[in-house]
Amino acid sequence: MAAHDTLTSSLTAFVWLLGANPAWQVRLREEIAGLGLIPGEPLPFDRLETLKLTEMAFKETLRIIPPVPALSRRALRDFTFGGHHIPAGASVAVNTLFTHHMPNIWPDPDRFDPERFTESAQTGRHRFAFVPFGGGAHMCLGLNFAYMQAKCFARHLLQTLSVSIEPGYTPAWTMWPIPKPKDGLRVTLTPV
């Protein structure tokens, strides 16, 4: 399940959100065009870092529709959280989907706004406010690989195609165990 299904889910959400936000699609296409690569030409590894807007847009996708909506853990020792005693050995879960939509952390949480991930916007935000890959000792080892794959995917998609959706279309998502659109995601791809 990890890596393949989670990345497929995240890229599906990315396509939908780019179709729903054409202005951001244009911004990413311009950033990708700035690489100066012709379609089919390999994207050099050292150029991935230059795709900052693309990474911000992908992070915003992961915030809106996290690939793993909840993370299960077991308490290693007794602790208190929110006034509740949690005994050692108890099953606990972090609801990533809820955390990523808390309006006190993410104003207007349902709005697609990749600018939430500029350096200045992230200053002062709790380090566990954004946890699509978990956190701490059990953070997903593949997080950097996922960002690399998303940038490569965006480059190939947006360099040759435009994504659009019907006005007002919002797919219903099955969230468990991994998010996917119930209708298969209705988008239109048009050559650019």
C-alpha atoms as a PDB file:
ATOM      1  CA  MET A   1       0.000   0.000   0.000  1.00  0.00           C
ATOM      2  CA  ALA A   2       2.717   2.460   0.908  1.00  0.00           C
ATOM      3  CA  ALA A   3       4.400   4.427  -1.872  1.00  0.00           C
ATOM      4  CA  HIS A   4       2.507   3.111  -4.902  1.00  0.00           C
ATOM      5  CA  ASP A   5      -1.092   3.553  -3.749  1.00  0.00           C
ATOM      6  CA  THR A   6      -0.429   6.644  -1.663  1.00  0.00           C
ATOM      7  CA  LEU A   7       1.384   8.405  -4.505  1.00  0.00           C
ATOM      8  CA  THR A   8      -1.304   7.393  -7.014  1.00  0.00           C
ATOM      9  CA  SER A   9      -3.942   8.809  -4.677  1.00  0.00           C
ATOM     10  CA  SER A  10      -2.009  12.040  -4.183  1.00  0.00           C
ATOM     11  CA  LEU A  11      -1.344  12.544  -7.892  1.00  0.00           C
ATOM     12  CA  THR A  12      -5.043  11.950  -8.632  1.00  0.00           C
ATOM     13  CA  ALA A  13      -5.938  14.679  -6.142  1.00  0.00           C
ATOM     14  CA  PHE A  14      -3.213  16.894  -7.646  1.00  0.00           C
ATOM     15  CA  VAL A  15      -4.733  16.541 -11.131  1.00  0.00           C
ATOM     16  CA  TRP A  16      -8.203  17.408  -9.823  1.00  0.00           C
ATOM     17  CA  LEU A  17      -6.994  20.441  -7.874  1.00  0.00           C
ATOM     18  CA  LEU A  18      -4.991  21.720 -10.861  1.00  0.00           C
ATOM     19  CA  GLY A  19      -8.097  21.324 -13.043  1.00  0.00           C
ATOM     20  CA  ALA A  20     -10.148  23.188 -10.452  1.00  0.00           C
ATOM     21  CA  ASN A  21      -7.518  25.934 -10.140  1.00  0.00           C
ATOM     22  CA  PRO A  22      -6.450  26.876 -13.677  1.00  0.00           C
ATOM     23  CA  ALA A  23      -4.504  29.952 -12.543  1.00  0.00           C
ATOM     24  CA  TRP A  24      -2.194  27.703 -10.532  1.00  0.00           C
ATOM     25  CA  GLN A  25      -1.949  25.317 -13.451  1.00  0.00           C
ATOM     26  CA  VAL A  26      -0.675  28.236 -15.581  1.00  0.00           C
ATOM     27  CA  ARG A  27       1.835  29.249 -12.894  1.00  0.00           C
ATOM     28  CA  LEU A  28       3.219  25.713 -12.690  1.00  0.00           C
ATOM     29  CA  ARG A  29       3.355  25.396 -16.485  1.00  0.00           C
ATOM     30  CA  GLU A  30       5.371  28.642 -16.621  1.00  0.00           C
ATOM     31  CA  GLU A  31       7.719  27.380 -13.904  1.00  0.00           C
ATOM     32  CA  ILE A  32       8.194  24.128 -15.815  1.00  0.00           C
ATOM     33  CA  ALA A  33       8.752  25.997 -19.104  1.00  0.00           C
ATOM     34  CA  GLY A  34      11.496  27.910 -17.293  1.00  0.00           C
ATOM     35  CA  LEU A  35      13.472  24.671 -17.136  1.00  0.00           C
ATOM     36  CA  GLY A  36      14.011  25.003 -20.907  1.00  0.00           C
ATOM     37  CA  LEU A  37      13.498  21.285 -21.516  1.00  0.00           C
ATOM     38  CA  ILE A  38      11.818  19.895 -24.611  1.00  0.00           C
ATOM     39  CA  PRO A  39       9.118  17.217 -24.147  1.00  0.00           C
ATOM     40  CA  GLY A  40      10.721  13.836 -23.577  1.00  0.00           C
ATOM     41  CA  GLU A  41      14.085  15.294 -22.543  1.00  0.00           C
ATOM     42  CA  PRO A  42      15.191  13.961 -19.146  1.00  0.00           C
ATOM     43  CA  LEU A  43      14.705  16.244 -16.165  1.00  0.00           C
ATOM     44  CA  PRO A  44      18.114  16.456 -14.477  1.00  0.00           C
ATOM     45  CA  PHE A  45      18.050  15.591 -10.794  1.00  0.00           C
ATOM     46  CA  ASP A  46      19.731  18.853  -9.789  1.00  0.00           C
ATOM     47  CA  ARG A  47      16.947  20.860 -11.497  1.00  0.00           C
ATOM     48  CA  LEU A  48      14.165  19.391  -9.312  1.00  0.00           C
ATOM     49  CA  GLU A  49      14.935  21.933  -6.578  1.00  0.00           C
ATOM     50  CA  THR A  50      14.011  24.791  -8.916  1.00  0.00           C
ATOM     51  CA  LEU A  51      10.357  23.643  -9.048  1.00  0.00           C
ATOM     52  CA  LYS A  52       9.368  25.426  -5.824  1.00  0.00           C
ATOM     53  CA  LEU A  53       5.827  26.381  -6.905  1.00  0.00           C
ATOM     54  CA  THR A  54       5.203  22.821  -8.039  1.00  0.00           C
ATOM     55  CA  GLU A  55       6.296  21.507  -4.643  1.00  0.00           C
ATOM     56  CA  MET A  56       4.099  24.056  -2.863  1.00  0.00           C
ATOM     57  CA  ALA A  57       1.086  23.042  -4.984  1.00  0.00           C
ATOM     58  CA  PHE A  58       1.730  19.363  -4.285  1.00  0.00           C
ATOM     59  CA  LYS A  59       2.055  20.035  -0.543  1.00  0.00           C
ATOM     60  CA  GLU A  60      -1.247  21.901  -0.617  1.00  0.00           C
ATOM     61  CA  THR A  61      -2.782  18.873  -2.330  1.00  0.00           C
ATOM     62  CA  LEU A  62      -1.437  16.641   0.453  1.00  0.00           C
ATOM     63  CA  ARG A  63      -2.904  19.028   3.006  1.00  0.00           C
ATOM     64  CA  ILE A  64      -6.366  19.028   1.460  1.00  0.00           C
ATOM     65  CA  ILE A  65      -6.470  15.286   0.720  1.00  0.00           C
ATOM     66  CA  PRO A  66      -3.770  13.520   2.729  1.00  0.00           C
ATOM     67  CA  PRO A  67      -2.770  10.143   1.281  1.00  0.00           C
ATOM     68  CA  VAL A  68      -3.210   8.503   4.684  1.00  0.00           C
ATOM     69  CA  PRO A  69      -6.150  10.197   6.458  1.00  0.00           C
ATOM     70  CA  ALA A  70      -5.315   8.661   9.850  1.00  0.00           C
ATOM     71  CA  LEU A  71      -2.174   7.249  11.444  1.00  0.00           C
ATOM     72  CA  SER A  72      -2.403   4.488  14.038  1.00  0.00           C
ATOM     73  CA  ARG A  73       0.111   4.217  16.833  1.00  0.00           C
ATOM     74  CA  ARG A  74       0.481   2.547  20.243  1.00  0.00           C
ATOM     75  CA  ALA A  75       1.347   4.599  23.338  1.00  0.00           C
ATOM     76  CA  LEU A  76       4.767   3.596  24.623  1.00  0.00           C
ATOM     77  CA  ARG A  77       4.190   5.120  28.062  1.00  0.00           C
ATOM     78  CA  ASP A  78       1.389   6.720  30.054  1.00  0.00           C
ATOM     79  CA  PHE A  79       0.681  10.315  29.092  1.00  0.00           C
ATOM     80  CA  THR A  80      -1.997  12.985  29.281  1.00  0.00           C
ATOM     81  CA  PHE A  81      -3.389  14.705  26.196  1.00  0.00           C
ATOM     82  CA  GLY A  82      -6.161  17.277  26.199  1.00  0.00           C
ATOM     83  CA  GLY A  83      -6.964  16.405  29.797  1.00  0.00           C
ATOM     84  CA  HIS A  84      -7.325  12.683  29.034  1.00  0.00           C
ATOM     85  CA  HIS A  85      -5.118  10.006  30.550  1.00  0.00           C
ATOM     86  CA  ILE A  86      -3.721   7.635  27.900  1.00  0.00           C
ATOM     87  CA  PRO A  87      -2.216   4.450  29.366  1.00  0.00           C
ATOM     88  CA  ALA A  88       0.866   2.753  27.958  1.00  0.00           C
ATOM     89  CA  GLY A  89      -0.098   0.185  25.349  1.00  0.00           C
ATOM     90  CA  ALA A  90      -3.297   1.979  24.303  1.00  0.00           C
ATOM     91  CA  SER A  91      -4.045   2.328  20.597  1.00  0.00           C
ATOM     92  CA  VAL A  92      -4.056   5.957  19.539  1.00  0.00           C
ATOM     93  CA  ALA A  93      -4.574   7.631  16.188  1.00  0.00           C
ATOM     94  CA  VAL A  94      -3.748  10.938  14.596  1.00  0.00           C
ATOM     95  CA  ASN A  95      -6.483  12.130  12.253  1.00  0.00           C
ATOM     96  CA  THR A  96      -4.402  13.754   9.529  1.00  0.00           C
ATOM     97  CA  LEU A  97      -7.484  14.787   7.557  1.00  0.00           C
ATOM     98  CA  PHE A  98      -8.891  16.658  10.563  1.00  0.00           C
ATOM     99  CA  THR A  99      -5.545  18.211  11.470  1.00  0.00           C
ATOM    100  CA  HIS A 100      -5.052  19.511   7.919  1.00  0.00           C
ATOM    101  CA  HIS A 101      -8.465  21.213   8.008  1.00  0.00           C
ATOM    102  CA  MET A 102      -8.279  22.917  11.419  1.00  0.00           C
ATOM    103  CA  PRO A 103      -9.307  26.536  10.681  1.00  0.00           C
ATOM    104  CA  ASN A 104      -7.216  27.916  13.540  1.00  0.00           C
ATOM    105  CA  ILE A 105      -4.108  26.598  11.742  1.00  0.00           C
ATOM    106  CA  TRP A 106      -5.315  26.661   8.130  1.00  0.00           C
ATOM    107  CA  PRO A 107      -7.640  29.642   7.506  1.00  0.00           C
ATOM    108  CA  ASP A 108     -10.308  28.834   4.889  1.00  0.00           C
ATOM    109  CA  PRO A 109      -9.091  25.202   4.983  1.00  0.00           C
ATOM    110  CA  ASP A 110     -11.008  23.939   1.942  1.00  0.00           C
ATOM    111  CA  ARG A 111      -9.487  26.560  -0.375  1.00  0.00           C
ATOM    112  CA  PHE A 112      -6.543  25.495  -2.561  1.00  0.00           C
ATOM    113  CA  ASP A 113      -3.774  27.921  -1.619  1.00  0.00           C
ATOM    114  CA  PRO A 114      -0.221  26.684  -2.242  1.00  0.00           C
ATOM    115  CA  GLU A 115       1.101  29.975  -0.852  1.00  0.00           C
ATOM    116  CA  ARG A 116       0.510  28.419   2.581  1.00  0.00           C
ATOM    117  CA  PHE A 117       3.850  26.716   1.947  1.00  0.00           C
ATOM    118  CA  THR A 118       6.047  29.742   1.315  1.00  0.00           C
ATOM    119  CA  GLU A 119       8.863  30.065   3.834  1.00  0.00           C
ATOM    120  CA  SER A 120       7.234  33.072   5.474  1.00  0.00           C
ATOM    121  CA  ALA A 121       3.805  31.407   5.716  1.00  0.00           C
ATOM    122  CA  GLN A 122       5.331  28.371   7.435  1.00  0.00           C
ATOM    123  CA  THR A 123       7.209  30.414  10.035  1.00  0.00           C
ATOM    124  CA  GLY A 124       5.753  29.752  13.463  1.00  0.00           C
ATOM    125  CA  ARG A 125       3.464  26.924  12.313  1.00  0.00           C
ATOM    126  CA  HIS A 126       3.617  23.896  14.607  1.00  0.00           C
ATOM    127  CA  ARG A 127       5.845  21.207  13.115  1.00  0.00           C
ATOM    128  CA  PHE A 128       3.018  18.673  13.353  1.00  0.00           C
ATOM    129  CA  ALA A 129       0.372  20.871  11.704  1.00  0.00           C
ATOM    130  CA  PHE A 130       1.261  19.301   8.328  1.00  0.00           C
ATOM    131  CA  VAL A 131       1.778  15.544   8.600  1.00  0.00           C
ATOM    132  CA  PRO A 132       0.899  13.793   5.312  1.00  0.00           C
ATOM    133  CA  PHE A 133       3.934  11.554   5.855  1.00  0.00           C
ATOM    134  CA  GLY A 134       3.525  11.210   9.615  1.00  0.00           C
ATOM    135  CA  GLY A 135       6.123  12.676  11.918  1.00  0.00           C
ATOM    136  CA  GLY A 136       8.788  11.930  14.432  1.00  0.00           C
ATOM    137  CA  ALA A 137      10.608   8.605  14.462  1.00  0.00           C
ATOM    138  CA  HIS A 138       8.019   6.945  12.219  1.00  0.00           C
ATOM    139  CA  MET A 139       7.919   9.559   9.459  1.00  0.00           C
ATOM    140  CA  CYS A 140       7.651   8.001   6.000  1.00  0.00           C
ATOM    141  CA  LEU A 141      11.066   7.362   4.492  1.00  0.00           C
ATOM    142  CA  GLY A 142       9.693   8.005   1.018  1.00  0.00           C
ATOM    143  CA  LEU A 143       8.628  11.618   1.479  1.00  0.00           C
ATOM    144  CA  ASN A 144      11.470  13.120  -0.560  1.00  0.00           C
ATOM    145  CA  PHE A 145      10.999  10.495  -3.263  1.00  0.00           C
ATOM    146  CA  ALA A 146       7.283  11.381  -3.394  1.00  0.00           C
ATOM    147  CA  TYR A 147       8.112  15.073  -3.933  1.00  0.00           C
ATOM    148  CA  MET A 148      10.559  14.101  -6.694  1.00  0.00           C
ATOM    149  CA  GLN A 149       7.971  11.914  -8.406  1.00  0.00           C
ATOM    150  CA  ALA A 150       5.283  14.600  -8.140  1.00  0.00           C
ATOM    151  CA  LYS A 151       7.583  17.170  -9.754  1.00  0.00           C
ATOM    152  CA  CYS A 152       8.463  14.767 -12.586  1.00  0.00           C
ATOM    153  CA  PHE A 153       4.780  13.945 -13.066  1.00  0.00           C
ATOM    154  CA  ALA A 154       3.795  17.637 -13.126  1.00  0.00           C
ATOM    155  CA  ARG A 155       6.550  18.387 -15.634  1.00  0.00           C
ATOM    156  CA  HIS A 156       5.364  15.669 -18.050  1.00  0.00           C
ATOM    157  CA  LEU A 157       1.664  16.438 -17.570  1.00  0.00           C
ATOM    158  CA  LEU A 158       1.738  20.219 -17.760  1.00  0.00           C
ATOM    159  CA  GLN A 159       4.368  20.516 -20.468  1.00  0.00           C
ATOM    160  CA  THR A 160       2.033  18.812 -22.922  1.00  0.00           C
ATOM    161  CA  LEU A 161      -1.510  18.892 -21.501  1.00  0.00           C
ATOM    162  CA  SER A 162      -4.032  21.187 -19.892  1.00  0.00           C
ATOM    163  CA  VAL A 163      -6.408  19.771 -17.277  1.00  0.00           C
ATOM    164  CA  SER A 164      -9.960  21.074 -17.014  1.00  0.00           C
ATOM    165  CA  ILE A 165     -13.110  20.083 -15.175  1.00  0.00           C
ATOM    166  CA  GLU A 166     -16.761  20.933 -15.655  1.00  0.00           C
ATOM    167  CA  PRO A 167     -17.820  24.054 -13.743  1.00  0.00           C
ATOM    168  CA  GLY A 168     -18.986  23.132 -10.253  1.00  0.00           C
ATOM    169  CA  TYR A 169     -17.623  19.581 -10.436  1.00  0.00           C
ATOM    170  CA  THR A 170     -16.261  18.294  -7.142  1.00  0.00           C
ATOM    171  CA  PRO A 171     -15.616  14.573  -6.917  1.00  0.00           C
ATOM    172  CA  ALA A 172     -16.890  12.672  -3.895  1.00  0.00           C
ATOM    173  CA  TRP A 173     -13.931  10.929  -2.289  1.00  0.00           C
ATOM    174  CA  THR A 174     -13.759   7.550  -0.608  1.00  0.00           C
ATOM    175  CA  MET A 175     -11.282   8.368   2.140  1.00  0.00           C
ATOM    176  CA  TRP A 176     -10.506   4.941   3.583  1.00  0.00           C
ATOM    177  CA  PRO A 177      -8.109   3.220   3.462  1.00  0.00           C
ATOM    178  CA  ILE A 178      -6.591   5.563   0.843  1.00  0.00           C
ATOM    179  CA  PRO A 179      -8.452   8.463  -0.789  1.00  0.00           C
ATOM    180  CA  LYS A 180      -9.816   7.986  -4.284  1.00  0.00           C
ATOM    181  CA  PRO A 181     -12.628   9.654  -6.204  1.00  0.00           C
ATOM    182  CA  LYS A 182     -15.791   7.532  -6.233  1.00  0.00           C
ATOM    183  CA  ASP A 183     -16.548   8.456  -9.854  1.00  0.00           C
ATOM    184  CA  GLY A 184     -13.052   7.799 -11.191  1.00  0.00           C
ATOM    185  CA  LEU A 185     -12.341  11.562 -11.519  1.00  0.00           C
ATOM    186  CA  ARG A 186     -13.932  13.258 -14.509  1.00  0.00           C
ATOM    187  CA  VAL A 187     -11.353  15.559 -16.093  1.00  0.00           C
ATOM    188  CA  THR A 188     -10.644  16.684 -19.631  1.00  0.00           C
ATOM    189  CA  LEU A 189      -7.075  16.647 -20.916  1.00  0.00           C
ATOM    190  CA  THR A 190      -6.313  18.962 -23.841  1.00  0.00           C
ATOM    191  CA  PRO A 191      -2.978  19.294 -25.691  1.00  0.00           C
ATOM    192  CA  VAL A 192      -1.268  22.656 -25.113  1.00  0.00           C
END
